[in-house]
Amino acid sequence: MAAGIVYVLMGALIKVRGVEIIHKLLPPVVVGPVIMVIGLGLAPVAVNMALGKTGDGAVQLIDGNAALWISSVFTLNDNCY
């Protein structure tokens, strides 16, 4: 609910002041590294899940070879579109 309120307030602010206010608050030189840090932090979780493990890698849920084939097929299928 709080995120929705912030979203509405940001929308109103952008409507009144324009997009430039966002570029002053969150310039690309700040947003880019933040996105990279989040992505690099989540990369091990993606690898573990592609190998059939839980996100933290503690438990093997599916055989690793089968999970790797399944994740590869789905990745190739997603890239076709």
PDB file of N, CA and C in Angstrom:
ATOM      1  N   MET A   1       0.825  -1.177   0.000  1.00  0.00           N
ATOM      2  CA  MET A   1       0.000   0.000   0.000  1.00  0.00           C
ATOM      3  C   MET A   1       0.873   1.245   0.000  1.00  0.00           C
ATOM      4  N   ALA A   2       1.936   1.214   0.783  1.00  0.00           N
ATOM      5  CA  ALA A   2       2.835   2.361   0.849  1.00  0.00           C
ATOM      6  C   ALA A   2       3.515   2.590  -0.500  1.00  0.00           C
ATOM      7  N   ALA A   3       3.889   1.502  -1.178  1.00  0.00           N
ATOM      8  CA  ALA A   3       4.512   1.641  -2.496  1.00  0.00           C
ATOM      9  C   ALA A   3       3.538   2.268  -3.477  1.00  0.00           C
ATOM     10  N   GLY A   4       2.263   1.927  -3.385  1.00  0.00           N
ATOM     11  CA  GLY A   4       1.252   2.524  -4.248  1.00  0.00           C
ATOM     12  C   GLY A   4       1.102   4.010  -3.997  1.00  0.00           C
ATOM     13  N   ILE A   5       1.152   4.405  -2.742  1.00  0.00           N
ATOM     14  CA  ILE A   5       1.057   5.834  -2.407  1.00  0.00           C
ATOM     15  C   ILE A   5       2.270   6.582  -2.951  1.00  0.00           C
ATOM     16  N   VAL A   6       3.461   6.006  -2.780  1.00  0.00           N
ATOM     17  CA  VAL A   6       4.669   6.638  -3.328  1.00  0.00           C
ATOM     18  C   VAL A   6       4.576   6.741  -4.842  1.00  0.00           C
ATOM     19  N   TYR A   7       4.048   5.709  -5.487  1.00  0.00           N
ATOM     20  CA  TYR A   7       3.886   5.701  -6.945  1.00  0.00           C
ATOM     21  C   TYR A   7       2.963   6.832  -7.392  1.00  0.00           C
ATOM     22  N   VAL A   8       1.841   7.014  -6.693  1.00  0.00           N
ATOM     23  CA  VAL A   8       0.898   8.084  -7.033  1.00  0.00           C
ATOM     24  C   VAL A   8       1.542   9.451  -6.808  1.00  0.00           C
ATOM     25  N   LEU A   9       2.246   9.614  -5.698  1.00  0.00           N
ATOM     26  CA  LEU A   9       2.909  10.892  -5.422  1.00  0.00           C
ATOM     27  C   LEU A   9       3.985  11.208  -6.458  1.00  0.00           C
ATOM     28  N   MET A  10       4.769  10.201  -6.837  1.00  0.00           N
ATOM     29  CA  MET A  10       5.788  10.421  -7.871  1.00  0.00           C
ATOM     30  C   MET A  10       5.133  10.768  -9.204  1.00  0.00           C
ATOM     31  N   GLY A  11       4.028  10.112  -9.534  1.00  0.00           N
ATOM     32  CA  GLY A  11       3.310  10.422 -10.764  1.00  0.00           C
ATOM     33  C   GLY A  11       2.818  11.858 -10.774  1.00  0.00           C
ATOM     34  N   ALA A  12       2.281  12.322  -9.644  1.00  0.00           N
ATOM     35  CA  ALA A  12       1.816  13.701  -9.542  1.00  0.00           C
ATOM     36  C   ALA A  12       2.988  14.682  -9.653  1.00  0.00           C
ATOM     37  N   LEU A  13       4.097  14.346  -9.023  1.00  0.00           N
ATOM     38  CA  LEU A  13       5.278  15.203  -9.095  1.00  0.00           C
ATOM     39  C   LEU A  13       5.792  15.316 -10.520  1.00  0.00           C
ATOM     40  N   ILE A  14       5.818  14.212 -11.230  1.00  0.00           N
ATOM     41  CA  ILE A  14       6.281  14.233 -12.622  1.00  0.00           C
ATOM     42  C   ILE A  14       5.313  15.002 -13.501  1.00  0.00           C
ATOM     43  N   LYS A  15       4.014  14.870 -13.221  1.00  0.00           N
ATOM     44  CA  LYS A  15       3.020  15.598 -14.011  1.00  0.00           C
ATOM     45  C   LYS A  15       3.183  17.106 -13.826  1.00  0.00           C
ATOM     46  N   VAL A  16       3.483  17.529 -12.608  1.00  0.00           N
ATOM     47  CA  VAL A  16       3.607  18.955 -12.311  1.00  0.00           C
ATOM     48  C   VAL A  16       4.968  19.499 -12.746  1.00  0.00           C
ATOM     49  N   ARG A  17       6.049  18.829 -12.382  1.00  0.00           N
ATOM     50  CA  ARG A  17       7.394  19.362 -12.596  1.00  0.00           C
ATOM     51  C   ARG A  17       8.074  18.839 -13.846  1.00  0.00           C
ATOM     52  N   GLY A  18       7.586  17.737 -14.402  1.00  0.00           N
ATOM     53  CA  GLY A  18       8.208  17.159 -15.586  1.00  0.00           C
ATOM     54  C   GLY A  18       9.203  16.064 -15.233  1.00  0.00           C
ATOM     55  N   VAL A  19       9.715  15.420 -16.258  1.00  0.00           N
ATOM     56  CA  VAL A  19      10.616  14.280 -16.089  1.00  0.00           C
ATOM     57  C   VAL A  19      11.982  14.717 -15.566  1.00  0.00           C
ATOM     58  N   GLU A  20      12.338  15.945 -15.777  1.00  0.00           N
ATOM     59  CA  GLU A  20      13.664  16.425 -15.348  1.00  0.00           C
ATOM     60  C   GLU A  20      13.882  16.292 -13.839  1.00  0.00           C
ATOM     61  N   ILE A  21      12.820  16.343 -13.057  1.00  0.00           N
ATOM     62  CA  ILE A  21      12.977  16.203 -11.605  1.00  0.00           C
ATOM     63  C   ILE A  21      13.499  14.804 -11.259  1.00  0.00           C
ATOM     64  N   ILE A  22      13.068  13.789 -12.011  1.00  0.00           N
ATOM     65  CA  ILE A  22      13.557  12.432 -11.779  1.00  0.00           C
ATOM     66  C   ILE A  22      15.027  12.327 -12.169  1.00  0.00           C
ATOM     67  N   HIS A  23      15.395  12.980 -13.265  1.00  0.00           N
ATOM     68  CA  HIS A  23      16.794  12.935 -13.691  1.00  0.00           C
ATOM     69  C   HIS A  23      17.709  13.642 -12.702  1.00  0.00           C
ATOM     70  N   LYS A  24      17.179  14.635 -11.985  1.00  0.00           N
ATOM     71  CA  LYS A  24      17.985  15.291 -10.947  1.00  0.00           C
ATOM     72  C   LYS A  24      18.109  14.407  -9.715  1.00  0.00           C
ATOM     73  N   LEU A  25      17.009  13.734  -9.336  1.00  0.00           N
ATOM     74  CA  LEU A  25      17.038  12.870  -8.157  1.00  0.00           C
ATOM     75  C   LEU A  25      17.801  11.570  -8.410  1.00  0.00           C
ATOM     76  N   LEU A  26      17.583  10.979  -9.591  1.00  0.00           N
ATOM     77  CA  LEU A  26      18.185   9.690  -9.927  1.00  0.00           C
ATOM     78  C   LEU A  26      18.855   9.768 -11.293  1.00  0.00           C
ATOM     79  N   PRO A  27      20.040  10.366 -11.360  1.00  0.00           N
ATOM     80  CA  PRO A  27      20.717  10.453 -12.656  1.00  0.00           C
ATOM     81  C   PRO A  27      21.178   9.074 -13.130  1.00  0.00           C
ATOM     82  N   PRO A  28      21.345   8.917 -14.442  1.00  0.00           N
ATOM     83  CA  PRO A  28      21.760   7.607 -14.974  1.00  0.00           C
ATOM     84  C   PRO A  28      23.068   7.084 -14.379  1.00  0.00           C
ATOM     85  N   VAL A  29      23.964   7.978 -13.992  1.00  0.00           N
ATOM     86  CA  VAL A  29      25.243   7.546 -13.421  1.00  0.00           C
ATOM     87  C   VAL A  29      25.040   6.890 -12.047  1.00  0.00           C
ATOM     88  N   VAL A  30      23.897   7.136 -11.409  1.00  0.00           N
ATOM     89  CA  VAL A  30      23.580   6.492 -10.137  1.00  0.00           C
ATOM     90  C   VAL A  30      22.741   5.237 -10.366  1.00  0.00           C
ATOM     91  N   VAL A  31      21.768   5.319 -11.259  1.00  0.00           N
ATOM     92  CA  VAL A  31      20.840   4.215 -11.483  1.00  0.00           C
ATOM     93  C   VAL A  31      21.556   3.007 -12.093  1.00  0.00           C
ATOM     94  N   GLY A  32      22.444   3.237 -13.042  1.00  0.00           N
ATOM     95  CA  GLY A  32      23.151   2.144 -13.711  1.00  0.00           C
ATOM     96  C   GLY A  32      23.924   1.249 -12.748  1.00  0.00           C
ATOM     97  N   PRO A  33      24.796   1.808 -11.921  1.00  0.00           N
ATOM     98  CA  PRO A  33      25.525   0.961 -10.972  1.00  0.00           C
ATOM     99  C   PRO A  33      24.621   0.257  -9.959  1.00  0.00           C
ATOM    100  N   VAL A  34      23.531   0.892  -9.558  1.00  0.00           N
ATOM    101  CA  VAL A  34      22.612   0.240  -8.623  1.00  0.00           C
ATOM    102  C   VAL A  34      21.996  -0.992  -9.275  1.00  0.00           C
ATOM    103  N   ILE A  35      21.583  -0.877 -10.538  1.00  0.00           N
ATOM    104  CA  ILE A  35      21.017  -2.023 -11.252  1.00  0.00           C
ATOM    105  C   ILE A  35      22.063  -3.119 -11.407  1.00  0.00           C
ATOM    106  N   MET A  36      23.315  -2.738 -11.693  1.00  0.00           N
ATOM    107  CA  MET A  36      24.373  -3.741 -11.827  1.00  0.00           C
ATOM    108  C   MET A  36      24.636  -4.469 -10.512  1.00  0.00           C
ATOM    109  N   VAL A  37      24.659  -3.746  -9.407  1.00  0.00           N
ATOM    110  CA  VAL A  37      24.915  -4.369  -8.107  1.00  0.00           C
ATOM    111  C   VAL A  37      23.787  -5.337  -7.756  1.00  0.00           C
ATOM    112  N   ILE A  38      22.543  -4.946  -8.028  1.00  0.00           N
ATOM    113  CA  ILE A  38      21.414  -5.843  -7.751  1.00  0.00           C
ATOM    114  C   ILE A  38      21.523  -7.097  -8.619  1.00  0.00           C
ATOM    115  N   GLY A  39      21.821  -6.919  -9.896  1.00  0.00           N
ATOM    116  CA  GLY A  39      21.940  -8.060 -10.800  1.00  0.00           C
ATOM    117  C   GLY A  39      23.064  -8.992 -10.412  1.00  0.00           C
ATOM    118  N   LEU A  40      24.220  -8.437 -10.050  1.00  0.00           N
ATOM    119  CA  LEU A  40      25.343  -9.273  -9.644  1.00  0.00           C
ATOM    120  C   LEU A  40      25.073  -9.981  -8.322  1.00  0.00           C
ATOM    121  N   GLY A  41      24.309  -9.340  -7.456  1.00  0.00           N
ATOM    122  CA  GLY A  41      23.951  -9.974  -6.188  1.00  0.00           C
ATOM    123  C   GLY A  41      22.995 -11.139  -6.377  1.00  0.00           C
ATOM    124  N   LEU A  42      22.145 -11.062  -7.389  1.00  0.00           N
ATOM    125  CA  LEU A  42      21.166 -12.120  -7.639  1.00  0.00           C
ATOM    126  C   LEU A  42      21.678 -13.200  -8.588  1.00  0.00           C
ATOM    127  N   ALA A  43      22.821 -13.006  -9.205  1.00  0.00           N
ATOM    128  CA  ALA A  43      23.352 -13.979 -10.156  1.00  0.00           C
ATOM    129  C   ALA A  43      23.546 -15.370  -9.547  1.00  0.00           C
ATOM    130  N   PRO A  44      24.087 -15.506  -8.335  1.00  0.00           N
ATOM    131  CA  PRO A  44      24.228 -16.855  -7.767  1.00  0.00           C
ATOM    132  C   PRO A  44      22.886 -17.553  -7.555  1.00  0.00           C
ATOM    133  N   VAL A  45      21.854 -16.807  -7.227  1.00  0.00           N
ATOM    134  CA  VAL A  45      20.525 -17.402  -7.059  1.00  0.00           C
ATOM    135  C   VAL A  45      20.038 -17.952  -8.391  1.00  0.00           C
ATOM    136  N   ALA A  46      20.242 -17.206  -9.472  1.00  0.00           N
ATOM    137  CA  ALA A  46      19.819 -17.665 -10.794  1.00  0.00           C
ATOM    138  C   ALA A  46      20.576 -18.924 -11.201  1.00  0.00           C
ATOM    139  N   VAL A  47      21.863 -18.969 -10.918  1.00  0.00           N
ATOM    140  CA  VAL A  47      22.663 -20.156 -11.257  1.00  0.00           C
ATOM    141  C   VAL A  47      22.184 -21.359 -10.458  1.00  0.00           C
ATOM    142  N   ASN A  48      21.969 -21.178  -9.160  1.00  0.00           N
ATOM    143  CA  ASN A  48      21.487 -22.287  -8.333  1.00  0.00           C
ATOM    144  C   ASN A  48      20.138 -22.797  -8.822  1.00  0.00           C
ATOM    145  N   MET A  49      19.241 -21.896  -9.162  1.00  0.00           N
ATOM    146  CA  MET A  49      17.920 -22.324  -9.613  1.00  0.00           C
ATOM    147  C   MET A  49      17.998 -23.001 -10.975  1.00  0.00           C
ATOM    148  N   ALA A  50      18.908 -22.542 -11.849  1.00  0.00           N
ATOM    149  CA  ALA A  50      19.075 -23.190 -13.150  1.00  0.00           C
ATOM    150  C   ALA A  50      19.654 -24.591 -12.999  1.00  0.00           C
ATOM    151  N   LEU A  51      20.350 -24.843 -11.910  1.00  0.00           N
ATOM    152  CA  LEU A  51      20.931 -26.165 -11.660  1.00  0.00           C
ATOM    153  C   LEU A  51      20.035 -27.049 -10.798  1.00  0.00           C
ATOM    154  N   GLY A  52      18.799 -26.601 -10.535  1.00  0.00           N
ATOM    155  CA  GLY A  52      17.834 -27.412  -9.804  1.00  0.00           C
ATOM    156  C   GLY A  52      17.941 -27.333  -8.300  1.00  0.00           C
ATOM    157  N   LYS A  53      18.633 -26.337  -7.796  1.00  0.00           N
ATOM    158  CA  LYS A  53      18.784 -26.186  -6.345  1.00  0.00           C
ATOM    159  C   LYS A  53      17.845 -25.094  -5.845  1.00  0.00           C
ATOM    160  N   THR A  54      17.750 -24.979  -4.528  1.00  0.00           N
ATOM    161  CA  THR A  54      17.031 -23.848  -3.961  1.00  0.00           C
ATOM    162  C   THR A  54      17.853 -22.590  -4.201  1.00  0.00           C
ATOM    163  N   GLY A  55      17.257 -21.428  -3.970  1.00  0.00           N
ATOM    164  CA  GLY A  55      17.947 -20.173  -4.240  1.00  0.00           C
ATOM    165  C   GLY A  55      19.271 -20.019  -3.528  1.00  0.00           C
ATOM    166  N   ASP A  56      19.365 -20.551  -2.295  1.00  0.00           N
ATOM    167  CA  ASP A  56      20.619 -20.458  -1.557  1.00  0.00           C
ATOM    168  C   ASP A  56      21.557 -21.625  -1.834  1.00  0.00           C
ATOM    169  N   GLY A  57      21.106 -22.598  -2.614  1.00  0.00           N
ATOM    170  CA  GLY A  57      21.943 -23.734  -2.984  1.00  0.00           C
ATOM    171  C   GLY A  57      22.034 -24.812  -1.936  1.00  0.00           C
ATOM    172  N   ALA A  58      21.215 -24.733  -0.884  1.00  0.00           N
ATOM    173  CA  ALA A  58      21.321 -25.686   0.215  1.00  0.00           C
ATOM    174  C   ALA A  58      20.729 -27.052  -0.117  1.00  0.00           C
ATOM    175  N   VAL A  59      19.676 -27.082  -0.938  1.00  0.00           N
ATOM    176  CA  VAL A  59      18.972 -28.336  -1.210  1.00  0.00           C
ATOM    177  C   VAL A  59      18.878 -28.544  -2.718  1.00  0.00           C
ATOM    178  N   GLN A  60      19.183 -29.757  -3.156  1.00  0.00           N
ATOM    179  CA  GLN A  60      19.039 -30.124  -4.572  1.00  0.00           C
ATOM    180  C   GLN A  60      17.605 -30.590  -4.771  1.00  0.00           C
ATOM    181  N   LEU A  61      16.815 -29.852  -5.527  1.00  0.00           N
ATOM    182  CA  LEU A  61      15.407 -30.181  -5.731  1.00  0.00           C
ATOM    183  C   LEU A  61      15.197 -31.119  -6.911  1.00  0.00           C
ATOM    184  N   ILE A  62      15.952 -30.904  -7.981  1.00  0.00           N
ATOM    185  CA  ILE A  62      15.831 -31.680  -9.210  1.00  0.00           C
ATOM    186  C   ILE A  62      17.242 -32.081  -9.616  1.00  0.00           C
ATOM    187  N   ASP A  63      17.364 -33.209 -10.321  1.00  0.00           N
ATOM    188  CA  ASP A  63      18.670 -33.614 -10.828  1.00  0.00           C
ATOM    189  C   ASP A  63      19.304 -32.458 -11.602  1.00  0.00           C
ATOM    190  N   GLY A  64      20.575 -32.203 -11.341  1.00  0.00           N
ATOM    191  CA  GLY A  64      21.265 -31.063 -11.936  1.00  0.00           C
ATOM    192  C   GLY A  64      21.296 -31.080 -13.446  1.00  0.00           C
ATOM    193  N   ASN A  65      21.544 -32.238 -14.052  1.00  0.00           N
ATOM    194  CA  ASN A  65      21.594 -32.318 -15.516  1.00  0.00           C
ATOM    195  C   ASN A  65      20.234 -32.045 -16.134  1.00  0.00           C
ATOM    196  N   ALA A  66      19.181 -32.619 -15.554  1.00  0.00           N
ATOM    197  CA  ALA A  66      17.831 -32.388 -16.077  1.00  0.00           C
ATOM    198  C   ALA A  66      17.449 -30.921 -15.936  1.00  0.00           C
ATOM    199  N   ALA A  67      17.749 -30.332 -14.787  1.00  0.00           N
ATOM    200  CA  ALA A  67      17.417 -28.930 -14.559  1.00  0.00           C
ATOM    201  C   ALA A  67      18.174 -28.020 -15.524  1.00  0.00           C
ATOM    202  N   LEU A  68      19.431 -28.365 -15.794  1.00  0.00           N
ATOM    203  CA  LEU A  68      20.225 -27.554 -16.725  1.00  0.00           C
ATOM    204  C   LEU A  68      19.636 -27.621 -18.129  1.00  0.00           C
ATOM    205  N   TRP A  69      19.218 -28.811 -18.558  1.00  0.00           N
ATOM    206  CA  TRP A  69      18.583 -28.931 -19.877  1.00  0.00           C
ATOM    207  C   TRP A  69      17.276 -28.147 -19.932  1.00  0.00           C
ATOM    208  N   ILE A  70      16.475 -28.265 -18.899  1.00  0.00           N
ATOM    209  CA  ILE A  70      15.197 -27.547 -18.865  1.00  0.00           C
ATOM    210  C   ILE A  70      15.427 -26.039 -18.902  1.00  0.00           C
ATOM    211  N   SER A  71      16.337 -25.543 -18.086  1.00  0.00           N
ATOM    212  CA  SER A  71      16.588 -24.098 -18.056  1.00  0.00           C
ATOM    213  C   SER A  71      17.192 -23.615 -19.369  1.00  0.00           C
ATOM    214  N   SER A  72      18.007 -24.443 -20.010  1.00  0.00           N
ATOM    215  CA  SER A  72      18.581 -24.057 -21.308  1.00  0.00           C
ATOM    216  C   SER A  72      17.511 -23.968 -22.381  1.00  0.00           C
ATOM    217  N   VAL A  73      16.607 -24.938 -22.389  1.00  0.00           N
ATOM    218  CA  VAL A  73      15.528 -24.922 -23.389  1.00  0.00           C
ATOM    219  C   VAL A  73      14.635 -23.714 -23.178  1.00  0.00           C
ATOM    220  N   PHE A  74      14.288 -23.415 -21.944  1.00  0.00           N
ATOM    221  CA  PHE A  74      13.438 -22.258 -21.689  1.00  0.00           C
ATOM    222  C   PHE A  74      14.165 -20.959 -22.011  1.00  0.00           C
ATOM    223  N   THR A  75      15.465 -20.885 -21.771  1.00  0.00           N
ATOM    224  CA  THR A  75      16.229 -19.691 -22.109  1.00  0.00           C
ATOM    225  C   THR A  75      16.273 -19.499 -23.607  1.00  0.00           C
ATOM    226  N   LEU A  76      16.518 -20.565 -24.346  1.00  0.00           N
ATOM    227  CA  LEU A  76      16.529 -20.465 -25.811  1.00  0.00           C
ATOM    228  C   LEU A  76      15.157 -20.090 -26.336  1.00  0.00           C
ATOM    229  N   ASN A  77      14.105 -20.636 -25.735  1.00  0.00           N
ATOM    230  CA  ASN A  77      12.761 -20.337 -26.165  1.00  0.00           C
ATOM    231  C   ASN A  77      12.418 -18.868 -25.904  1.00  0.00           C
ATOM    232  N   ASP A  78      12.851 -18.317 -24.770  1.00  0.00           N
ATOM    233  CA  ASP A  78      12.590 -16.905 -24.455  1.00  0.00           C
ATOM    234  C   ASP A  78      13.333 -15.986 -25.408  1.00  0.00           C
ATOM    235  N   ASN A  79      14.524 -16.380 -25.844  1.00  0.00           N
ATOM    236  CA  ASN A  79      15.311 -15.524 -26.743  1.00  0.00           C
ATOM    237  C   ASN A  79      14.790 -15.545 -28.171  1.00  0.00           C
ATOM    238  N   CYS A  80      13.909 -16.481 -28.490  1.00  0.00           N
ATOM    239  CA  CYS A  80      13.372 -16.565 -29.858  1.00  0.00           C
ATOM    240  C   CYS A  80      12.349 -15.474 -30.130  1.00  0.00           C
ATOM    241  N   TYR A  81      11.782 -14.894 -29.091  1.00  0.00           N
ATOM    242  CA  TYR A  81      10.716 -13.913 -29.300  1.00  0.00           C
ATOM    243  C   TYR A  81      11.282 -12.543 -29.402  1.00  0.00           C
TER     244      TYR A  81
END
